[in-house]
Protein backbone atom coordinates (compact mmCIF):
# COMPACT_ATOMS: atom_id res chain seq x y z
CA MET A 1 36.02 105.17 221.26
CA ASN A 2 33.72 107.07 218.81
CA THR A 3 30.62 108.38 220.61
CA ASP A 4 28.77 109.19 217.43
CA LEU A 5 25.87 106.83 217.42
CA ILE A 6 25.48 106.77 213.62
CA GLU A 7 29.09 106.15 213.09
CA ARG A 8 28.90 103.19 215.47
CA LEU A 9 25.92 101.71 213.48
CA LYS A 10 27.99 102.02 210.30
CA ARG A 11 30.77 100.30 211.87
CA HIS A 12 29.03 97.52 213.83
CA VAL A 13 25.45 96.95 211.96
CA THR A 14 26.31 97.62 208.27
CA PRO A 15 28.81 94.68 208.09
CA SER A 16 26.27 92.07 209.29
CA VAL A 17 23.57 93.52 207.04
CA LEU A 18 25.79 93.24 203.90
CA GLN A 19 27.50 89.84 204.85
CA GLY A 20 27.39 87.44 201.99
CA GLU A 21 26.50 90.27 199.42
CA THR A 22 28.70 91.02 196.31
CA ASP A 23 26.74 93.50 194.24
CA TYR A 24 26.48 97.29 194.70
CA ILE A 25 28.39 97.10 198.05
CA PRO A 26 29.66 100.89 198.28
CA GLU A 27 26.17 102.03 196.98
CA LYS A 28 24.43 99.94 199.82
CA GLU A 29 26.78 101.16 202.40
CA GLN A 30 26.03 104.78 201.35
CA ALA A 31 22.34 104.11 201.35
CA LEU A 32 22.43 102.57 204.88
CA ALA A 33 24.45 105.44 206.18
CA GLN A 34 21.64 107.90 205.07
CA PHE A 35 18.91 105.48 206.12
CA TYR A 36 20.06 105.14 209.89
CA PRO A 37 19.34 108.75 210.81
CA VAL A 38 15.87 108.59 209.15
CA LEU A 39 15.01 105.25 210.87
CA LEU A 40 15.97 106.79 214.30
CA SER A 41 14.15 110.05 213.64
CA ILE A 42 10.99 107.99 213.16
CA LEU A 43 11.48 105.83 216.07
CA ARG A 44 12.38 108.92 218.08
CA LYS A 45 8.79 110.25 217.72
CA ASN A 46 6.90 106.96 218.09
CA THR A 47 7.49 104.64 221.02
CA GLN A 48 4.87 102.14 219.72
CA ARG A 49 6.66 101.51 216.54
CA VAL A 50 9.57 100.44 218.51
CA GLU A 51 7.70 97.90 220.36
CA VAL A 52 5.87 96.66 216.96
CA LEU A 53 9.10 96.29 215.14
CA GLY A 54 11.09 94.78 217.99
CA GLN A 55 8.39 91.98 218.18
CA GLN A 56 8.97 91.05 214.58
CA THR A 57 11.55 88.71 213.18
CA ASN A 58 11.78 90.38 209.79
CA PRO A 59 10.40 93.91 210.13
CA LYS A 60 9.98 95.94 206.87
CA ILE A 61 10.43 99.55 206.06
CA SER A 62 6.96 99.65 204.71
CA GLU A 63 5.80 99.58 208.48
CA LEU A 64 7.45 102.95 208.95
CA PHE A 65 5.08 104.50 206.67
CA THR A 66 1.87 102.89 207.39
CA GLU A 67 0.10 106.25 207.68
CA LYS A 68 1.51 107.36 204.38
CA PRO A 69 2.77 104.48 202.35
CA GLU A 70 3.62 106.50 199.20
CA LEU A 71 6.49 108.04 201.31
CA LYS A 72 8.41 104.77 201.18
CA GLN A 73 8.75 105.41 197.40
CA HIS A 74 10.27 108.85 198.00
CA LEU A 75 12.82 107.21 200.46
CA LEU A 76 13.85 104.52 197.82
CA GLU A 77 14.26 107.27 195.08
CA HIS A 78 16.35 109.41 197.33
CA LEU A 79 18.63 106.45 198.45
CA ALA A 80 19.00 105.24 194.81
CA PRO A 81 18.68 108.53 192.70
CA VAL A 82 20.17 107.40 189.43
CA PRO A 83 19.10 104.60 187.00
CA GLN A 84 22.62 102.70 187.30
CA ALA A 85 22.37 102.73 191.14
CA VAL A 86 21.10 99.83 193.18
CA PRO A 87 17.78 98.40 191.95
CA GLN A 88 15.07 99.47 194.15
CA ASP A 89 14.00 95.91 195.07
CA GLN A 90 17.36 95.02 196.19
CA LEU A 91 17.82 98.15 198.10
CA GLU A 92 14.45 97.70 199.84
CA GLN A 93 15.42 94.17 200.84
CA THR A 94 18.78 95.58 202.30
CA LEU A 95 17.00 98.22 204.17
CA ASN A 96 14.51 95.57 205.68
CA ARG A 97 17.42 93.47 206.90
CA SER A 98 18.95 96.56 208.71
CA ILE A 99 16.08 97.29 211.06
CA GLN A 100 16.48 94.24 213.20
CA PRO A 101 20.22 94.45 213.85
CA THR A 102 19.86 98.36 214.51
CA LEU A 103 17.16 97.58 217.11
CA GLU A 104 19.44 94.97 218.75
CA TYR A 105 22.35 97.39 218.76
CA LEU A 106 20.23 100.07 220.46
CA LYS A 107 19.20 97.49 223.16
CA LEU A 108 22.94 96.59 223.76
CA GLU A 109 23.68 100.33 224.06
CA ALA A 110 20.85 100.58 226.69
CA GLU A 111 21.55 97.26 228.41
CA ALA A 112 17.86 96.71 228.38
CA SER A 113 14.92 95.86 225.89
CA HIS A 114 12.24 98.21 227.09
CA SER A 115 11.12 100.51 224.43
CA ASP A 116 11.27 103.52 226.65
CA VAL A 117 15.02 102.81 227.47
CA ILE A 118 15.75 102.56 223.64
CA GLN A 119 13.84 106.03 223.34
CA TYR A 120 16.17 107.33 225.90
CA VAL A 121 19.34 106.28 223.99
CA ILE A 122 17.96 107.84 220.91
CA GLU A 123 17.00 110.99 222.54
CA ASN A 124 20.59 111.41 224.10
CA HIS A 125 21.92 111.02 220.65
CA LYS A 126 19.58 113.44 218.73
CA GLU A 127 22.50 115.72 217.77
CA ASP A 128 24.24 112.87 216.16
CA ILE A 129 21.05 111.92 214.23
CA GLN A 130 20.41 115.53 213.11
CA ARG A 131 23.85 115.92 212.05
CA ALA A 132 23.76 112.79 209.83
CA LEU A 133 20.29 113.52 208.40
CA PRO A 134 20.43 114.10 204.78
CA THR A 135 18.87 117.37 203.55
CA TRP A 136 16.41 115.78 201.43
CA ALA A 137 15.00 113.70 204.41
CA SER A 138 13.77 116.72 206.54
CA PRO A 139 10.39 117.38 204.49
CA LEU A 140 9.91 113.52 204.14
CA LEU A 141 10.03 113.25 208.03
CA LEU A 142 7.94 116.47 208.61
CA ALA A 143 5.30 114.65 206.54
CA LEU A 144 5.24 111.96 209.01
CA GLY A 145 5.59 114.49 212.05
CA ALA A 146 8.93 112.91 212.92
CA SER A 147 11.71 115.24 212.06
CA PRO A 148 13.95 116.77 214.65
CA LEU A 149 14.57 119.57 212.18
CA VAL A 150 12.24 122.76 212.48
CA ASP A 151 13.38 124.57 209.29
CA ALA A 152 11.88 122.34 206.62
CA GLU A 153 8.48 121.96 204.92
CA PRO A 154 6.64 118.61 204.81
CA ILE A 155 6.21 116.91 201.34
CA SER A 156 2.81 117.32 199.96
CA ILE A 157 1.87 114.05 198.26
CA SER A 158 -0.32 113.81 195.16
CA ARG A 159 -0.61 111.44 192.25
CA GLY A 160 0.38 113.98 189.76
CA GLU A 161 3.28 115.41 191.74
CA SER A 162 6.73 115.10 190.44
CA HIS A 163 9.19 113.07 192.41
CA HIS A 164 12.25 115.14 191.41
CA ARG A 165 12.18 118.17 193.60
CA THR A 166 15.91 119.44 193.77
CA GLU A 167 17.80 120.18 196.85
CA PRO A 168 18.78 123.71 196.03
CA ALA A 169 15.03 124.56 195.56
CA ILE A 170 14.29 123.32 199.10
CA GLU A 171 17.04 125.22 200.48
CA LYS A 172 15.95 128.42 198.83
CA LYS A 173 12.40 127.86 200.19
CA GLN A 174 13.77 127.25 203.71
CA ARG A 175 15.71 130.66 203.60
CA SER A 176 12.77 132.49 202.47
CA VAL A 177 10.66 131.20 205.06
CA LEU A 178 13.23 131.44 207.90
CA TRP A 179 14.06 135.06 207.83
CA PRO A 180 10.62 136.31 208.77
CA ILE A 181 10.47 133.86 211.65
CA ILE A 182 13.88 135.17 212.95
CA ALA A 183 12.65 138.59 212.62
CA PHE A 184 9.40 137.73 214.57
CA ILE A 185 11.38 136.07 217.36
CA ILE A 186 13.70 139.07 217.80
CA VAL A 187 10.74 141.50 217.97
CA ALA A 188 8.91 139.30 220.50
CA ALA A 189 12.00 138.94 222.67
CA LEU A 190 12.44 142.86 222.82
CA ILE A 191 8.79 143.46 223.67
CA MET A 192 9.08 140.87 226.33
CA PHE A 193 12.31 142.29 227.77
CA PHE A 194 10.73 145.91 227.93
CA PHE A 195 7.50 144.71 229.32
CA ARG A 196 9.46 142.81 232.14
CA GLY A 197 11.60 145.80 232.88
CA CYS A 198 8.36 147.99 233.21
CA THR A 199 6.34 145.49 235.43
CA ARG A 200 8.86 143.92 237.71
CA ASP A 201 8.46 144.32 241.35
CA ASP A 202 11.71 145.65 243.04
CA ASP A 203 10.47 144.86 246.64
CA PRO A 204 13.52 143.91 248.66
CA ASP A 205 12.03 141.08 250.21
CA ASP A 206 10.90 139.53 246.94
CA ILE A 207 14.30 139.95 245.38
CA ARG A 208 15.74 138.22 248.41
CA ASP A 209 13.51 135.34 248.26
CA ARG A 210 14.09 134.94 244.40
CA GLN A 211 17.83 134.89 245.11
CA ASN A 212 17.41 132.34 247.88
CA ALA A 213 15.14 130.04 245.77
CA ALA A 214 17.83 130.24 242.83
CA GLN A 215 20.44 129.37 245.20
CA ALA A 216 18.35 126.40 246.46
CA VAL A 217 18.08 124.75 242.91
CA ALA A 218 20.17 121.68 242.35
CA THR A 219 22.10 121.87 245.48
CA GLU A 220 22.07 118.17 246.27
CA PRO A 221 23.42 115.17 244.14
CA ALA A 222 21.06 112.60 242.63
CA LEU A 223 20.81 109.56 245.05
CA LEU A 224 20.25 105.91 244.86
CA ARG A 225 20.22 103.88 248.07
CA LEU A 226 19.39 100.23 248.01
CA SER A 227 19.67 97.40 250.60
CA THR A 228 19.06 93.67 250.55
CA GLY A 229 17.83 91.38 253.27
CA SER A 230 19.03 88.04 254.53
CA ASP A 231 17.19 86.28 251.42
CA GLY A 232 19.20 88.63 248.92
CA GLN A 233 15.97 90.54 247.98
CA ILE A 234 15.52 94.22 248.28
CA SER A 235 14.49 95.33 251.84
CA SER A 236 14.78 99.04 251.19
CA CYS A 237 15.32 101.38 248.16
CA GLN A 238 15.39 105.15 247.77
CA LEU A 239 15.60 107.21 244.61
CA GLN A 240 16.09 111.03 244.60
CA LEU A 241 16.45 112.78 241.23
CA ASN A 242 15.27 115.73 239.03
CA ASP A 243 14.56 113.71 235.96
CA PRO A 244 11.07 111.95 235.95
CA GLN A 245 11.97 110.09 232.66
CA TYR A 246 15.12 108.50 233.95
CA MET A 247 13.53 107.99 237.21
CA GLU A 248 10.86 105.68 235.71
CA ILE A 249 13.64 103.91 233.47
CA LEU A 250 15.76 102.94 236.59
CA GLN A 251 12.65 102.00 238.56
CA ASN A 252 11.81 99.45 235.73
CA GLU A 253 15.36 98.19 235.80
CA ILE A 254 15.23 97.61 239.54
CA LYS A 255 11.84 96.01 239.43
CA GLN A 256 13.14 93.58 236.68
CA ILE A 257 16.60 92.87 238.07
CA PHE A 258 15.48 92.01 241.56
CA ASN A 259 12.02 90.88 240.64
CA TYR A 260 10.73 93.69 242.92
CA ASN A 261 7.37 94.85 241.86
CA ILE A 262 6.99 97.60 244.71
CA GLY A 263 9.63 99.71 243.24
CA CYS A 264 11.75 102.15 245.12
CA GLY A 265 10.61 105.27 247.17
CA THR A 266 11.06 108.28 244.93
CA GLU A 267 11.50 111.93 245.41
CA ASN A 268 11.44 114.09 242.18
CA ASN A 269 12.58 117.55 243.20
CA ASP A 270 14.44 120.45 241.61
CA ARG A 271 16.85 120.77 244.37
CA TYR A 272 18.39 117.33 243.17
CA HIS A 273 20.66 116.99 240.22
CA SER A 274 19.05 115.67 236.92
CA THR A 275 21.71 112.92 236.31
CA PHE A 276 23.89 110.48 238.13
CA THR A 277 27.88 110.36 237.42
CA ASP A 278 28.20 107.39 235.13
CA GLN A 279 24.41 106.66 235.22
CA ASP A 280 24.38 104.45 232.17
CA THR A 281 26.38 101.85 234.32
CA ILE A 282 23.84 101.66 237.15
CA PRO A 283 21.77 98.78 235.64
CA SER A 284 25.04 96.70 235.30
CA VAL A 285 26.09 97.52 238.88
CA LEU A 286 22.72 96.53 240.22
CA LYS A 287 23.18 93.10 238.57
CA THR A 288 26.44 92.61 240.55
CA MET A 289 24.12 92.89 243.86
CA GLN A 290 21.79 90.31 242.73
CA GLY A 291 21.06 87.65 245.31
CA VAL A 292 23.75 88.99 247.63
CA PRO A 293 22.26 88.82 251.19
CA ASN A 294 22.64 91.81 253.64
CA ALA A 295 24.23 94.17 251.25
CA SER A 296 23.78 97.98 250.71
CA LEU A 297 24.71 100.46 247.97
CA HIS A 298 24.70 104.14 248.35
CA TRP A 299 25.35 106.20 245.22
CA ALA A 300 25.57 109.90 245.46
CA GLY A 301 27.68 112.61 243.52
CA ASN A 302 30.89 110.98 242.29
CA GLN A 303 31.02 108.41 245.23
CA VAL A 304 29.48 105.14 245.72
CA SER A 305 29.87 103.15 248.92
CA VAL A 306 29.31 99.29 249.32
CA GLN A 307 28.52 97.16 252.25
CA ALA A 308 27.91 93.56 252.80
CA ALA A 309 27.83 91.08 255.64
CA ASN A 310 30.39 89.05 253.83
CA ASN A 311 33.50 91.17 253.15
CA THR A 312 34.31 89.07 250.22
CA ASP A 313 30.93 90.06 248.55
CA ALA A 314 31.48 93.72 249.33
CA GLU A 315 35.02 93.61 247.57
CA ARG A 316 33.62 91.83 244.60
CA ILE A 317 30.89 94.33 244.05
CA ALA A 318 33.34 97.24 244.56
CA THR A 319 35.64 95.84 241.99
CA GLU A 320 32.95 95.37 239.46
CA ILE A 321 31.80 99.01 240.07
CA ARG A 322 35.37 100.29 239.61
CA ASN A 323 35.55 98.45 236.33
CA LEU A 324 32.29 99.88 235.11
CA ALA A 325 32.07 103.28 236.48
CA LYS A 326 35.45 104.86 235.72
CA ASN A 327 34.48 108.29 237.21
CA MET A 328 33.22 107.12 240.39
CA LYS A 329 34.88 106.84 243.71
CA VAL A 330 34.19 103.36 245.23
CA VAL A 331 34.60 102.79 248.94
CA THR A 332 33.71 99.78 250.87
CA GLN A 333 32.37 99.99 254.60
CA GLN A 334 32.93 97.36 257.36
CA PRO A 335 30.84 94.38 256.97
CA ILE A 336 27.57 94.30 258.65
CA ASP A 337 27.53 92.08 261.69
CA THR A 338 23.87 90.88 261.71
CA ASN A 339 24.24 89.08 264.94
CA ALA A 340 25.53 92.25 266.78
CA ALA A 341 22.87 94.13 265.11
CA THR A 342 20.16 91.70 266.33
CA ASN A 343 21.63 91.60 270.00
CA ALA A 344 21.84 95.50 270.20
CA ALA A 345 18.15 95.79 269.15
CA GLU A 346 17.16 93.00 271.76
CA THR A 347 19.08 95.02 274.43
CA GLU A 348 17.51 98.21 273.55
CA LEU A 349 14.09 96.66 273.77
CA LYS A 350 14.78 95.33 277.48
CA LYS A 351 15.70 98.72 278.85
CA PRO A 352 13.23 100.11 281.28
């Protein structure tokens, strides 16, 4: 399966956008292929825009340029650069129709509709977006403060400005600006290297402490431990991870799936790994435990263990996990005997 996000949008979203159209099909396909990375770059920098567009039935590209409406015309001119190309009014309608299915596809990828989860998907594919971004789009996006590229200058918009800046001129300008920056970075790095060499503390105890601290970093796998009570609701939940952003996303998923407003106990520490193995499948796995009484799940490293009062429930959940998380080793433990556990607790209380 192709993992490039832009290619997947071209394959799954473009056909639905152009369904029923007969004119300028190749030109519109090309325009959409260039528009997707521009749209995702804008959404990547603005969470509120994801929410606003997601709440509308027919969002329009003009809402991407509310701060600088004149940039919409620049976009259309670049996507339809010659007179015999798609008429701009048709092209704008096509782009408008592509926004909603693109957002729906991102929700499908994220397996959730929260704007922060969609942002996370876009962030994880920023290399795909940057790779597919047309050269002409970088200054346009920088004018919005939304470009992932760092080596382009924003468009300066004025009424008398010509709209026909050529790409070779932009590239030449980028090279002339880039070389002094590279030279400055190299000089700064050399100065820092010599300064640290002159001022470092070679005390043996300090060196040993630094080495021990370095060895302690990321020594434990990320951990998710979750248990349900007799009513199938969460009775305990613990989350240990060195990624505050994904920890918040997972917390929101758990609250929504189990209607559990309290959320899990959390520990964000650099001794834990920053990702779970097959972590994109965790929300789907949690849904398999919805409403299952006296069940527990322990997800750490590349192993997940499942336990339930009913062995059939445990096997069903384990099978679902095996189908979803291909890189995880799934084990089932002996069913929980709730009566034995209750009797043992009463016996313990009666001891003198």
